[in-house]
Amino acid sequence: MSLLQATLKIDLWNAWIFMSVFLLQMLAILLIDRRVSKRSHIPKEARQNKFERSVGIIGNLIWLLAMAYSVFLPLRLGTFWFYIGLSAFMVGLAIMVIATKDFMTAPADQLITKGAYAYSRHPMYLATFLICLGAGIATVSYPFLFLSLIMASCFYQEALIEERYCINKYGIAYEKYMNNTHRWASVRRKHGD
């Protein structure tokens, strides 16, 4: 891996191919049901302090920076790193597609605990991290991997805010869900009510 990319140029086979799934996801949500996009963000009142508000802003700025950087970042096609990165991307993409479908089909006022949400309380964050990690590995780029790690730390803080919000909104039902479902991922869901 290199600290700085030797060639940064706009090309067809750049990391934007991996990152474009986020734009496709947003477009699908907007075209299928605008109400889903409104409930896909943490309500402003859930952020209780300046740090929590800053985390959301920083996370979104890092994501935008990664999106822009990906346009200029060539995939290292045919290399070992490309195939490892592609594998991480494909796992992230599968999680994103399933979690997006689960999120879009769930009633707006109910806790989502089925599908991808049965294995992760935050499958969208997990998917986003895996997709970005995959792009960083497939391009053999330390800066992109660094951006992915910063994003992951922001996701962790966002997850804590969301969990506090959900405990306030859903009460005991969410606490049971937390006890049965790992924050990021579990191979097998624990059973029990």
Foldseek 3Di string as FASTA:
>chain_A
DDADDPFFDQDPQFLLVLVCVVVVLVVVCVVPDVVLVVLPDDDPVLQDDPVLVVLVVVLVVLSVVLNVSRRGFHFPPPDPLLVVLVVLSVVLVVLQVQVSVQSSPDPSLDDRCDTSNVFAVCSNLLSVLSSQCSNCSRRVYPVSNVSSVSSNVSVVSSLVSVLVVCCVRVNPVSVVSPVQYPHHGDPDTDDDD
